[in-house]
Protein backbone atom coordinates (compact mmCIF):
# COMPACT_ATOMS: atom_id res chain seq x y z
CA MET A 1 17.79 -45.97 -41.03
CA PHE A 2 16.30 -43.54 -38.55
CA PHE A 3 13.52 -44.84 -36.29
CA PRO A 4 11.55 -42.18 -34.41
CA LYS A 5 11.40 -42.52 -30.63
CA ARG A 6 7.92 -43.13 -29.27
CA GLY A 7 7.88 -40.54 -26.53
CA CYS A 8 4.82 -38.47 -25.69
CA HIS A 9 4.15 -35.15 -27.43
CA THR A 10 4.42 -33.21 -24.16
CA CYS A 11 7.95 -34.45 -23.44
CA LYS A 12 8.98 -33.80 -27.07
CA ASN A 13 7.72 -30.23 -26.83
CA ARG A 14 9.47 -29.78 -23.45
CA ARG A 15 12.64 -31.41 -24.88
CA VAL A 16 12.98 -33.91 -22.06
CA LYS A 17 13.51 -37.66 -22.19
CA CYS A 18 10.23 -39.57 -21.97
CA ASP A 19 10.02 -42.95 -20.23
CA ARG A 20 7.07 -43.85 -22.52
CA ALA A 21 4.95 -45.12 -19.59
CA ARG A 22 1.26 -45.53 -20.27
CA PRO A 23 -1.25 -43.95 -19.88
CA VAL A 24 0.66 -41.09 -18.22
CA CYS A 25 4.44 -40.94 -18.54
CA GLY A 26 6.64 -40.41 -15.51
CA GLN A 27 8.06 -37.05 -16.64
CA CYS A 28 4.59 -35.52 -17.07
CA GLN A 29 3.45 -36.92 -13.74
CA LYS A 30 6.44 -35.37 -11.95
CA ALA A 31 5.96 -32.02 -13.70
CA LYS A 32 2.19 -32.12 -13.08
CA VAL A 33 1.41 -31.38 -16.71
CA THR A 34 -1.05 -33.03 -19.07
CA CYS A 35 0.50 -36.02 -20.80
CA GLN A 36 -0.56 -35.97 -24.44
CA GLY A 37 0.03 -39.66 -24.98
CA VAL A 38 2.81 -41.85 -26.33
CA VAL A 39 3.30 -41.38 -30.05
CA GLU A 40 2.63 -44.42 -32.15
CA ASP A 41 4.34 -44.62 -35.51
CA GLY A 42 1.56 -44.53 -38.09
CA ASN A 43 3.80 -45.58 -40.99
CA PHE A 44 3.54 -49.26 -40.22
CA ILE A 45 0.76 -51.22 -41.90
CA PHE A 46 -1.08 -53.76 -39.80
CA LEU A 47 -2.28 -56.85 -41.64
CA ASN A 48 -5.20 -58.51 -39.87
CA GLU A 49 -5.47 -62.04 -41.27
CA ASN A 50 -7.93 -63.26 -38.61
CA GLU A 51 -11.05 -62.07 -40.39
CA TYR A 52 -10.04 -63.73 -43.65
CA ALA A 53 -8.99 -66.99 -41.96
CA GLY A 54 -12.24 -67.17 -40.03
CA GLY A 55 -14.36 -66.65 -43.13
CA SER A 56 -16.11 -63.58 -41.73
CA ARG A 57 -14.65 -61.45 -44.50
CA LYS A 58 -13.81 -62.19 -48.16
CA ARG A 59 -10.28 -61.44 -49.31
CA ARG A 60 -9.97 -58.88 -52.08
CA ARG A 61 -8.17 -59.57 -55.30
CA GLY A 62 -4.79 -57.99 -55.76
CA PRO A 63 -2.12 -57.13 -53.17
CA ASN A 64 -2.93 -58.29 -49.65
CA VAL A 65 -2.52 -54.83 -48.15
CA THR A 66 -5.14 -52.41 -46.86
CA THR A 67 -4.38 -49.14 -45.18
CA THR A 68 -6.72 -47.89 -42.48
CA THR A 69 -6.72 -44.92 -40.22
CA THR A 70 -7.25 -45.78 -36.56
CA THR A 71 -7.25 -43.42 -33.63
CA THR A 72 -6.69 -44.27 -29.98
CA THR A 73 -6.22 -42.30 -26.82
CA THR A 74 -2.48 -42.22 -27.33
CA ALA A 75 -2.22 -41.77 -31.10
CA PRO A 76 -2.53 -38.46 -32.93
CA THR A 77 -5.96 -37.57 -34.34
CA MET A 78 -6.97 -34.91 -36.85
CA SER A 79 -9.30 -32.21 -35.62
CA THR A 80 -12.42 -31.59 -37.70
CA GLU A 81 -11.61 -27.88 -37.80
CA ALA A 82 -8.19 -28.50 -39.39
CA LEU A 83 -9.66 -30.92 -41.92
CA ALA A 84 -12.38 -28.47 -42.91
CA ILE A 85 -9.84 -25.68 -43.42
CA GLN A 86 -7.67 -27.83 -45.66
CA GLY A 87 -10.64 -29.20 -47.62
CA HIS A 88 -8.91 -32.56 -48.08
CA PHE A 89 -11.93 -34.70 -47.25
CA ASN A 90 -15.22 -35.22 -49.05
CA THR A 91 -17.84 -33.14 -47.23
CA THR A 92 -20.61 -35.30 -48.64
CA MET A 93 -19.35 -38.31 -46.71
CA PRO A 94 -20.56 -38.82 -43.15
CA LEU A 95 -18.32 -38.00 -40.18
CA ARG A 96 -19.15 -40.01 -37.03
CA THR A 97 -17.87 -39.10 -33.60
CA GLU A 98 -18.53 -41.26 -30.56
CA SER A 99 -17.49 -40.66 -26.99
CA THR A 100 -17.67 -43.17 -24.16
CA SER A 101 -16.00 -42.99 -20.76
CA GLY A 102 -13.89 -40.04 -21.80
CA PHE A 103 -12.44 -41.69 -24.92
CA SER A 104 -12.73 -39.81 -28.21
CA ASN A 105 -12.93 -41.99 -31.33
CA ASP A 106 -13.14 -40.17 -34.64
CA ILE A 107 -13.79 -42.42 -37.64
CA LEU A 108 -13.14 -40.45 -40.81
CA ASN A 109 -14.52 -41.75 -44.11
CA PHE A 110 -12.43 -40.28 -46.89
CA GLY A 111 -13.88 -40.01 -50.41
CA THR A 112 -10.45 -39.93 -52.07
CA SER A 113 -6.95 -39.85 -50.70
CA PRO A 114 -5.27 -36.42 -50.93
CA THR A 115 -2.85 -36.14 -53.80
CA GLU A 116 -0.54 -33.83 -51.84
CA PRO A 117 0.82 -34.37 -48.33
CA LEU A 118 -1.10 -32.61 -45.57
CA ASP A 119 0.84 -29.69 -44.15
CA PHE A 120 -1.29 -28.85 -41.11
CA HIS A 121 -0.46 -29.74 -37.52
CA ILE A 122 -1.96 -32.98 -36.21
CA SER A 123 -3.28 -32.46 -32.70
CA PRO A 124 -2.89 -35.41 -30.30
CA ALA A 125 -5.86 -36.82 -28.42
CA LEU A 126 -5.92 -35.33 -24.91
CA ASP A 127 -8.83 -37.25 -23.41
CA ILE A 128 -7.56 -39.93 -21.05
CA PRO A 129 -10.41 -41.55 -19.11
CA LEU A 130 -10.66 -40.49 -15.49
CA ASP A 131 -10.59 -44.07 -14.24
CA VAL A 132 -7.34 -44.73 -16.16
CA GLN A 133 -5.72 -41.61 -14.71
CA ALA A 134 -6.88 -42.48 -11.19
CA LEU A 135 -5.66 -46.08 -11.34
CA ALA A 136 -2.33 -45.05 -12.87
CA TYR A 137 -1.83 -42.47 -10.11
CA TYR A 138 -2.80 -44.89 -7.35
CA THR A 139 -0.56 -47.67 -8.70
CA ARG A 140 2.53 -45.54 -9.23
CA ILE A 141 2.23 -43.40 -6.10
CA HIS A 142 0.57 -45.64 -3.50
CA VAL A 143 1.28 -49.26 -4.45
CA GLU A 144 4.73 -49.54 -6.04
CA VAL A 145 7.40 -49.91 -3.33
CA PRO A 146 11.18 -49.54 -3.56
CA HIS A 147 13.34 -52.59 -4.17
CA GLY A 148 15.21 -54.24 -1.33
CA VAL A 149 12.64 -53.57 1.40
CA PRO A 150 12.86 -56.24 4.16
CA GLU A 151 9.99 -58.72 4.25
CA VAL A 152 8.98 -57.65 7.75
CA MET A 153 7.83 -54.35 6.19
CA ASP A 154 5.61 -55.91 3.52
CA GLY A 155 1.97 -54.78 3.43
CA HIS A 156 -1.29 -56.22 2.12
CA LEU A 157 -1.47 -53.80 -0.84
CA LYS A 158 1.00 -56.01 -2.72
CA TYR A 159 -1.88 -58.49 -3.20
CA ALA A 160 -4.63 -56.01 -4.01
CA LEU A 161 -3.71 -55.25 -7.63
CA ALA A 162 -2.59 -58.82 -8.32
CA ASP A 163 -6.03 -60.12 -7.34
CA TRP A 164 -7.73 -57.21 -9.11
CA PHE A 165 -6.30 -58.29 -12.48
CA GLN A 166 -8.07 -61.62 -12.08
CA SER A 167 -11.38 -60.19 -10.85
CA LYS A 168 -14.44 -59.16 -12.83
CA PRO A 169 -15.00 -55.45 -13.58
CA ASP A 170 -17.96 -55.19 -11.20
CA SER A 171 -16.51 -57.35 -8.41
CA ILE A 172 -16.12 -56.18 -4.82
CA LEU A 173 -12.36 -55.78 -5.19
CA SER A 174 -12.63 -53.87 -8.47
CA LEU A 175 -15.14 -51.47 -6.93
CA ALA A 176 -13.00 -51.01 -3.80
CA ILE A 177 -9.84 -50.27 -5.80
CA SER A 178 -11.78 -47.90 -8.02
CA ALA A 179 -13.15 -46.08 -4.96
CA VAL A 180 -9.73 -45.68 -3.36
CA SER A 181 -7.92 -44.74 -6.58
CA HIS A 182 -10.50 -42.06 -7.45
CA ALA A 183 -10.49 -40.72 -3.88
CA THR A 184 -6.68 -40.44 -3.66
CA PHE A 185 -6.44 -39.01 -7.18
CA GLY A 186 -9.27 -36.56 -6.49
CA ARG A 187 -7.71 -35.38 -3.23
CA ALA A 188 -4.26 -35.01 -4.80
CA GLN A 189 -5.46 -33.24 -7.96
CA ARG A 190 -8.36 -31.39 -6.31
CA SER A 191 -10.73 -33.05 -8.75
CA GLN A 192 -14.31 -33.02 -7.55
CA ALA A 193 -15.30 -35.27 -10.46
CA ALA A 194 -12.89 -37.96 -9.26
CA LEU A 195 -14.12 -37.62 -5.69
CA ASN A 196 -17.71 -38.01 -6.85
CA VAL A 197 -16.87 -41.18 -8.79
CA GLY A 198 -14.97 -42.52 -5.78
CA CYS A 199 -17.98 -41.91 -3.54
CA ALA A 200 -20.28 -43.73 -5.97
CA MET A 201 -17.87 -46.69 -6.23
CA TYR A 202 -17.53 -46.79 -2.46
CA SER A 203 -21.31 -47.04 -2.04
CA ARG A 204 -21.50 -49.86 -4.57
CA ALA A 205 -18.60 -51.66 -2.90
CA LEU A 206 -20.40 -51.46 0.47
CA VAL A 207 -23.54 -52.98 -1.03
CA LYS A 208 -21.52 -55.79 -2.60
CA THR A 209 -19.65 -56.39 0.65
CA ASN A 210 -22.87 -56.69 2.64
CA MET A 211 -24.14 -59.20 0.09
CA ALA A 212 -20.91 -61.19 0.36
CA LEU A 213 -21.19 -61.32 4.14
CA LYS A 214 -24.46 -63.22 3.74
CA ASP A 215 -22.89 -65.77 1.39
CA ALA A 216 -21.22 -68.57 3.35
CA ASN A 217 -18.86 -69.37 0.49
CA GLU A 218 -17.90 -65.86 -0.61
CA VAL A 219 -17.37 -64.36 2.84
CA THR A 220 -13.98 -66.03 3.29
CA HIS A 221 -12.58 -65.08 -0.14
CA ASP A 222 -9.40 -63.02 -0.31
CA SER A 223 -11.14 -60.29 -2.30
CA VAL A 224 -13.62 -59.59 0.50
CA LEU A 225 -10.86 -59.27 3.11
CA LEU A 226 -8.77 -57.05 0.83
CA SER A 227 -11.78 -54.87 0.03
CA ALA A 228 -12.49 -54.27 3.71
CA MET A 229 -8.93 -53.03 4.21
CA LEU A 230 -9.06 -50.85 1.09
CA LEU A 231 -12.35 -49.25 2.10
CA SER A 232 -10.81 -48.30 5.44
CA PHE A 233 -8.23 -46.27 3.59
CA TYR A 234 -10.97 -44.69 1.48
CA GLU A 235 -12.42 -43.27 4.68
CA ASN A 236 -9.00 -41.85 5.62
CA SER A 237 -8.60 -40.29 2.21
CA VAL A 238 -11.91 -38.44 2.12
CA LEU A 239 -11.64 -37.10 5.69
CA ASP A 240 -10.40 -33.51 5.85
CA ARG A 241 -9.50 -31.19 8.68
CA VAL A 242 -13.08 -29.90 8.89
CA SER A 243 -14.64 -33.17 10.01
CA GLN A 244 -17.86 -33.90 11.79
CA THR A 245 -16.22 -34.42 15.15
CA SER A 246 -14.38 -31.86 17.24
CA SER A 247 -12.92 -34.52 19.53
CA ARG A 248 -9.16 -34.97 19.84
CA ASP A 249 -9.54 -38.65 20.68
CA ILE A 250 -7.99 -40.85 18.01
CA GLU A 251 -10.83 -43.36 18.23
CA ALA A 252 -13.28 -40.62 17.31
CA ILE A 253 -11.10 -39.11 14.58
CA GLY A 254 -10.64 -42.41 12.75
CA SER A 255 -13.93 -44.05 13.74
CA ARG A 256 -15.14 -44.74 10.18
CA SER A 257 -11.81 -46.23 9.13
CA PHE A 258 -11.53 -48.29 12.33
CA ALA A 259 -15.01 -49.69 11.70
CA HIS A 260 -13.68 -51.31 8.52
CA HIS A 261 -10.68 -52.64 10.44
CA ASP A 262 -13.05 -54.23 12.94
CA GLY A 263 -14.97 -55.78 10.05
CA ALA A 264 -11.74 -57.10 8.53
CA MET A 265 -10.80 -58.59 11.90
CA ALA A 266 -14.13 -60.45 12.02
CA LEU A 267 -13.51 -61.77 8.50
CA LEU A 268 -10.01 -62.87 9.45
CA LYS A 269 -11.35 -64.72 12.50
CA LEU A 270 -13.94 -66.49 10.35
CA ARG A 271 -11.26 -67.55 7.87
CA ARG A 272 -9.20 -69.01 10.70
CA GLN A 273 -12.17 -70.86 12.20
CA ARG A 274 -13.02 -72.46 8.87
CA GLY A 275 -9.41 -73.44 8.20
CA TRP A 276 -9.57 -71.38 5.02
CA PRO A 277 -5.96 -70.29 4.56
CA THR A 278 -3.76 -72.27 2.22
CA ASN A 279 -0.09 -71.35 1.86
CA THR A 280 -1.04 -68.43 -0.42
CA ASN A 281 -3.91 -67.25 1.76
CA MET A 282 -1.72 -67.54 4.87
CA GLU A 283 0.59 -64.84 3.49
CA LEU A 284 -2.33 -62.47 2.98
CA ASP A 285 -3.64 -63.19 6.49
CA LYS A 286 -0.22 -62.39 7.92
CA LEU A 287 -0.01 -59.02 6.15
CA VAL A 288 -3.56 -58.02 7.05
CA ARG A 289 -2.93 -59.01 10.66
CA ARG A 290 0.11 -56.72 10.77
CA GLN A 291 -2.01 -53.74 9.78
CA LEU A 292 -4.75 -54.69 12.25
CA MET A 293 -2.20 -54.97 15.06
CA ARG A 294 -0.93 -51.46 14.40
CA SER A 295 -4.51 -50.20 14.34
CA LEU A 296 -5.36 -51.83 17.69
CA LEU A 297 -2.16 -50.64 19.33
CA LEU A 298 -2.79 -47.08 18.14
CA ARG A 299 -6.26 -47.27 19.71
CA SER A 300 -4.93 -48.86 22.95
CA ILE A 301 -7.07 -51.95 22.39
CA PRO A 302 -5.64 -55.35 23.44
CA LEU A 303 -5.47 -58.05 20.78
CA PRO A 304 -7.99 -60.91 21.09
CA LEU A 305 -6.52 -64.28 22.01
CA TRP A 306 -6.86 -65.79 18.51
CA LEU A 307 -4.86 -62.90 17.01
CA ARG A 308 -1.95 -62.80 19.46
CA ASP A 309 0.33 -65.63 18.31
CA GLY A 310 2.19 -64.40 15.23
CA SER A 311 3.78 -67.80 14.62
CA LYS A 312 0.35 -69.15 13.60
CA TYR A 313 0.29 -66.56 10.82
CA GLY A 314 3.79 -67.23 9.52
CA GLU A 315 5.89 -64.74 11.48
CA THR A 316 9.39 -66.00 12.25
CA GLY A 317 12.75 -64.86 13.62
CA PHE A 318 13.29 -61.29 14.79
CA ALA A 319 9.98 -60.29 13.16
CA LEU A 320 8.12 -62.73 15.42
CA GLU A 321 9.94 -61.35 18.47
CA MET A 322 8.94 -57.79 17.56
CA ASP A 323 5.41 -59.09 16.94
CA ARG A 324 5.23 -60.40 20.51
CA TYR A 325 6.39 -57.07 21.91
CA MET A 326 3.64 -55.26 19.98
CA VAL A 327 1.04 -57.58 21.53
CA ILE A 328 2.32 -56.74 25.01
CA VAL A 329 2.43 -52.99 24.34
CA ALA A 330 -1.19 -53.02 23.16
CA LYS A 331 -2.21 -54.82 26.36
CA LEU A 332 -0.25 -52.44 28.61
CA ARG A 333 -1.62 -49.32 26.92
CA HIS A 334 -5.10 -50.66 27.60
CA GLN A 335 -4.25 -51.39 31.24
CA ALA A 336 -2.81 -47.90 31.69
CA SER A 337 -6.27 -46.39 31.30
CA ARG A 338 -7.13 -47.80 34.74
CA LEU A 339 -4.16 -46.15 36.42
CA SER A 340 -4.42 -42.80 38.15
CA LYS A 341 -3.10 -40.01 35.94
CA GLY A 342 -0.41 -38.52 38.10
CA PRO A 343 0.41 -36.55 41.23
CA ALA A 344 -2.95 -34.76 41.27
CA LYS A 345 -4.56 -37.86 42.76
CA CYS A 346 -1.70 -38.87 45.03
CA SER A 347 -3.33 -37.39 48.15
CA ALA A 348 -6.02 -40.07 48.12
CA PRO A 349 -5.12 -43.29 49.92
CA ILE A 350 -4.36 -46.24 47.68
CA SER A 351 -5.45 -49.77 48.46
CA ASP A 352 -3.02 -52.65 48.81
CA GLU A 353 -4.63 -54.29 45.78
CA LYS A 354 -4.14 -51.15 43.70
CA MET A 355 -0.54 -50.83 44.87
CA ALA A 356 0.16 -54.44 43.92
CA GLU A 357 -1.32 -53.82 40.50
CA LEU A 358 0.81 -50.72 40.11
CA ARG A 359 3.98 -52.57 41.11
CA SER A 360 3.23 -55.37 38.66
CA PHE A 361 2.51 -52.91 35.86
CA LEU A 362 5.74 -51.00 36.50
CA ALA A 363 7.80 -54.18 36.59
CA GLU A 364 6.29 -55.44 33.33
CA THR A 365 6.84 -52.18 31.48
CA GLN A 366 10.45 -51.97 32.66
CA ALA A 367 11.11 -55.58 31.63
CA LEU A 368 9.56 -54.90 28.23
CA ASP A 369 11.74 -51.84 27.67
CA SER A 370 14.84 -53.87 28.50
CA ALA A 371 13.76 -56.59 26.06
CA LEU A 372 13.18 -54.05 23.30
CA ALA A 373 16.60 -52.48 23.90
CA ARG A 374 18.20 -55.94 23.69
CA TRP A 375 16.27 -56.75 20.46
CA ALA A 376 17.89 -53.78 18.71
CA THR A 377 21.40 -54.98 19.59
CA ILE A 378 21.03 -58.46 18.05
CA LEU A 379 19.61 -57.48 14.67
CA PRO A 380 21.59 -58.78 11.66
CA ALA A 381 24.26 -56.50 10.22
CA GLU A 382 22.28 -55.97 7.00
CA LEU A 383 19.53 -54.26 9.00
CA GLN A 384 21.79 -51.78 10.75
CA TYR A 385 22.14 -48.07 9.98
CA ARG A 386 24.85 -45.46 10.38
CA SER A 387 24.71 -41.97 11.89
CA ILE A 388 26.39 -39.13 9.99
CA ALA A 389 26.97 -35.53 10.97
CA VAL A 390 25.40 -33.10 8.52
CA GLN A 391 27.95 -30.87 6.83
CA GLN A 392 27.19 -27.37 5.66
CA GLU A 393 28.83 -26.19 2.48
CA PRO A 394 28.82 -22.39 2.02
CA HIS A 395 26.51 -22.49 -0.99
CA ILE A 396 24.09 -25.06 0.43
CA GLU A 397 21.42 -24.16 2.95
CA ILE A 398 20.14 -26.73 5.41
CA GLY A 399 16.36 -26.77 5.44
CA ASP A 400 14.20 -26.82 8.54
CA ARG A 401 13.36 -30.50 7.99
CA SER A 402 16.73 -31.33 9.53
CA PHE A 403 17.01 -31.66 13.29
CA ASN A 404 20.12 -31.76 15.45
CA GLY A 405 22.82 -31.80 12.79
CA THR A 406 22.87 -35.62 12.59
CA ILE A 407 21.11 -37.89 10.14
CA HIS A 408 20.65 -41.66 9.96
CA ILE A 409 21.44 -43.47 6.72
CA TYR A 410 19.75 -46.85 6.04
CA PRO A 411 20.07 -49.52 3.33
CA THR A 412 16.50 -48.76 2.17
CA VAL A 413 13.53 -46.73 3.34
CA GLY A 414 11.99 -50.02 4.50
CA HIS A 415 14.89 -50.50 6.93
CA ALA A 416 14.28 -46.98 8.23
CA GLY A 417 10.62 -47.90 8.71
CA LEU A 418 11.56 -50.96 10.77
CA TRP A 419 13.78 -48.95 13.09
CA ASN A 420 11.19 -46.20 13.47
CA ARG A 421 8.49 -48.68 14.42
CA TYR A 422 10.86 -50.03 17.07
CA ARG A 423 11.49 -46.49 18.38
CA ALA A 424 7.78 -45.72 18.44
CA LEU A 425 7.15 -48.88 20.50
CA ARG A 426 9.88 -48.02 23.01
CA LEU A 427 8.61 -44.48 23.28
CA ALA A 428 5.14 -45.82 24.07
CA VAL A 429 6.56 -48.19 26.70
CA ASN A 430 8.65 -45.50 28.41
CA ALA A 431 5.66 -43.18 28.46
CA LEU A 432 3.80 -45.93 30.33
CA ILE A 433 6.70 -46.27 32.80
CA LEU A 434 6.61 -42.53 33.40
CA ARG A 435 2.85 -42.65 33.97
CA ALA A 436 3.23 -45.51 36.46
CA LEU A 437 5.99 -43.68 38.35
CA SER A 438 3.83 -40.55 38.52
CA ALA A 439 0.98 -42.60 39.97
CA VAL A 440 3.06 -43.93 42.87
CA PRO A 441 1.84 -42.18 46.06
CA VAL A 442 4.79 -43.22 48.27
CA PRO A 443 8.36 -44.32 47.50
CA LEU A 444 8.77 -47.97 46.57
CA GLU A 445 12.27 -48.18 48.01
CA LEU A 446 13.25 -46.31 44.85
CA ASP A 447 14.52 -42.86 44.00
CA LEU A 448 11.50 -41.80 41.95
CA ASN A 449 12.98 -38.54 40.74
CA ALA A 450 16.11 -40.25 39.47
CA LEU A 451 14.02 -42.92 37.74
CA LYS A 452 11.81 -40.30 36.11
CA ASP A 453 14.84 -38.39 34.87
CA ALA A 454 16.31 -41.58 33.39
CA VAL A 455 13.05 -42.41 31.62
CA LYS A 456 12.73 -38.87 30.28
CA SER A 457 16.27 -39.12 28.96
CA ILE A 458 15.40 -42.33 27.08
CA ILE A 459 12.26 -40.70 25.67
CA TYR A 460 14.21 -37.70 24.39
CA ARG A 461 16.93 -39.86 22.85
CA LEU A 462 14.41 -42.09 21.04
CA ALA A 463 12.45 -39.07 19.81
CA GLU A 464 15.69 -37.51 18.60
CA ASP A 465 16.61 -40.70 16.70
CA LEU A 466 13.18 -40.68 15.08
CA CYS A 467 13.64 -37.05 14.05
CA GLU A 468 17.07 -37.80 12.60
CA SER A 469 15.58 -40.60 10.48
CA VAL A 470 12.98 -38.41 8.79
CA PRO A 471 15.27 -36.77 6.18
CA PHE A 472 16.30 -40.18 4.81
CA THR A 473 12.72 -41.46 4.81
CA LEU A 474 11.47 -38.38 2.94
CA ASP A 475 14.42 -38.38 0.51
CA LEU A 476 15.72 -35.02 1.72
CA ILE A 477 19.40 -35.96 1.81
CA GLY A 478 21.90 -34.70 -0.75
CA THR A 479 25.66 -35.17 -1.15
CA TYR A 480 28.61 -33.22 -2.48
CA GLN A 481 32.34 -33.88 -2.75
CA VAL A 482 35.07 -32.20 -0.71
CA ASP A 483 38.64 -33.37 -1.36
CA GLY A 484 37.27 -36.60 -2.81
CA LYS A 485 35.14 -37.33 0.26
CA GLU A 486 31.37 -37.52 0.22
CA GLN A 487 29.61 -34.99 2.46
CA PHE A 488 25.92 -35.17 3.36
CA PHE A 489 23.45 -32.35 3.79
CA VAL A 490 19.70 -32.00 4.22
CA THR A 491 18.19 -30.42 1.14
CA GLN A 492 16.42 -27.09 1.25
CA ASN A 493 12.68 -27.25 1.78
CA PRO A 494 10.54 -27.69 -1.29
CA THR A 495 7.27 -25.76 -1.19
CA SER A 496 5.50 -29.10 -0.86
CA LEU A 497 6.66 -32.69 -0.67
CA LYS A 498 3.59 -33.73 -2.67
CA GLY A 499 4.84 -35.30 -5.88
CA ALA A 500 8.46 -35.28 -4.70
CA ILE A 501 8.09 -38.60 -2.87
CA LYS A 502 5.80 -41.57 -3.37
CA ALA A 503 3.10 -42.36 -0.86
CA SER A 504 4.27 -45.99 -0.85
CA THR A 505 7.58 -44.72 0.58
CA ALA A 506 6.02 -42.33 3.09
CA TYR A 507 3.77 -45.13 4.42
CA PHE A 508 6.78 -46.57 6.27
CA ILE A 509 6.83 -43.62 8.65
CA CYS A 510 3.07 -42.99 8.97
CA TRP A 511 2.38 -45.34 11.87
CA PRO A 512 5.46 -44.38 13.96
CA LEU A 513 4.60 -40.69 13.65
CA ALA A 514 0.92 -41.29 14.38
CA LEU A 515 1.71 -43.32 17.51
CA VAL A 516 4.37 -40.97 18.84
CA ILE A 517 2.27 -37.86 18.32
CA THR A 518 -0.37 -39.32 20.68
CA ILE A 519 2.21 -39.61 23.50
CA PRO A 520 1.99 -36.54 25.76
CA ASP A 521 5.47 -37.01 27.28
CA ILE A 522 7.45 -36.21 24.12
CA PRO A 523 9.51 -33.02 24.73
CA ASP A 524 8.28 -29.89 22.97
CA ARG A 525 11.07 -29.45 20.42
CA PRO A 526 11.05 -32.96 18.88
CA ARG A 527 7.27 -33.05 19.27
CA GLN A 528 6.87 -29.92 17.14
CA TYR A 529 9.29 -31.30 14.55
CA LEU A 530 7.47 -34.66 14.36
CA ARG A 531 4.11 -32.92 14.23
CA ASP A 532 5.24 -30.86 11.22
CA ARG A 533 6.55 -33.98 9.49
CA LEU A 534 3.26 -35.77 10.15
CA LEU A 535 1.53 -32.92 8.32
CA ASP A 536 3.97 -33.40 5.43
CA VAL A 537 3.31 -37.13 5.34
CA SER A 538 -0.48 -36.72 5.55
CA GLU A 539 -0.29 -34.59 2.40
CA ILE A 540 1.92 -37.12 0.61
CA VAL A 541 -0.34 -40.11 1.33
CA ASP A 542 -3.65 -38.20 1.03
CA ASP A 543 -4.73 -39.21 4.55
CA GLY A 544 -7.19 -36.99 6.41
CA VAL A 545 -6.93 -38.92 9.68
CA LEU A 546 -3.19 -38.28 9.90
CA GLU A 547 -3.81 -34.64 9.07
CA ARG A 548 -6.34 -34.33 11.89
CA LEU A 549 -3.95 -36.06 14.31
CA ALA A 550 -1.21 -33.58 13.47
CA ILE A 551 -3.52 -30.58 13.84
CA THR A 552 -5.06 -31.69 17.13
CA SER A 553 -1.65 -32.58 18.58
CA VAL A 554 -1.01 -28.85 18.99
CA HIS A 555 -3.46 -28.99 21.89
CA GLY A 556 -2.62 -32.52 22.95
CA ILE A 557 -4.28 -35.87 22.41
CA GLU A 558 -6.77 -37.26 24.85
């Protein structure tokens, strides 16, 4: 017996295999076409015995079978125009059409069943509610992560949807997820309607959050902390290149998003003071803290004392060691703001106290760079990567997203993200060393020029490694066979990477690129390459702050 496959109408018309995902199948999402819904087989008869068993309805005499016509958003419906043309329904009977939230439900009351089979085309229902489309887009593109990603790369979004399923429709978390999903969907699809809904949901979420902050019991709930983090991303998503500020300072560019991070940090502190976290809550606190640390480091703000010890939040092993280095880098970047900015001020005499401070700062940054270099050499074998020379086959062009003819291959994109965060940290540290050396007014029994050249060499090598990791992270690597051997190449540029790679994958390189692009000592060639890739990534993840960072980096970051 032949059983029809339940693919969507769009895929059947395009003659491609449908994955039957709901509400929008994967093939339609990739092709950016309207998914007409998964076909349900209408030949099966559904027997609902609940009404009879409960006594709410009396069973008819005769065979226990009734046939009804039901329409849903994914099942085919008959248009009133087609029915009128065929004349197969009783025009004296009422026809009721109701529409709520974008759904179209047509209940057709037939006077008599047609004696001949209908030969007109049945049009599928095309109306999928905006909120369903937005949530489906956000889940598939921004939340789902590849398998095999190391735990050290986990983020707090893994808990957002899990908690959302257990929350009420009008809860803080539901409103926050709705705001973010509509904003990202609206930005990606250029849908003003979605952006308007997202703005309304955001306003309601803010009101609910303010109410929760006044409730001593609710303020420490996971949903409130998650909502604060989600609303920070909403601000990133709605910011475009024409923003209210003309400043190139990162604190000014991301001020609205960082305000939510500061609020989340206050909530996290309150949870710790009240001894709120259980084993489950502790995991969420750890993941939120990771994001807050990256935010503070990007802004050159030192971590408060209660946030510094990662072991109290569940960090262990090499992840805890990296965590400690991040705490030190944030502190040193903050201290660097008090240093003189280079040779221009070297003519002024420097006090013994200032010189001692400069010596201490230089020694600490050099020791930290050595520790970071050692950390990379003792990582487990399963976290390592391999470097491969890019081959060029006569019929394959290498796109401009390649760099120096070498690419890095990793077990997963999460492993690439780990290494790139490490490189971004070392780049930041070496930039601080270079700043300290430039501030030295007289030789410190050292060959300053030789030291500067060595530091610049490290900076270039780290920037080059970061560039050579981008093709793997953005899934731009292809292979072909030559004499039975696999050769690698960087694929030719697509017009846009939007839709070709998930945002949840691109997130792994967002922070390294954002941090590195704020470092003025990156050489011009890798800087331009990384700036262009940051623009690519900002489009993929629908992030206006990253876009502004990339644009302003042409003129330098303050």
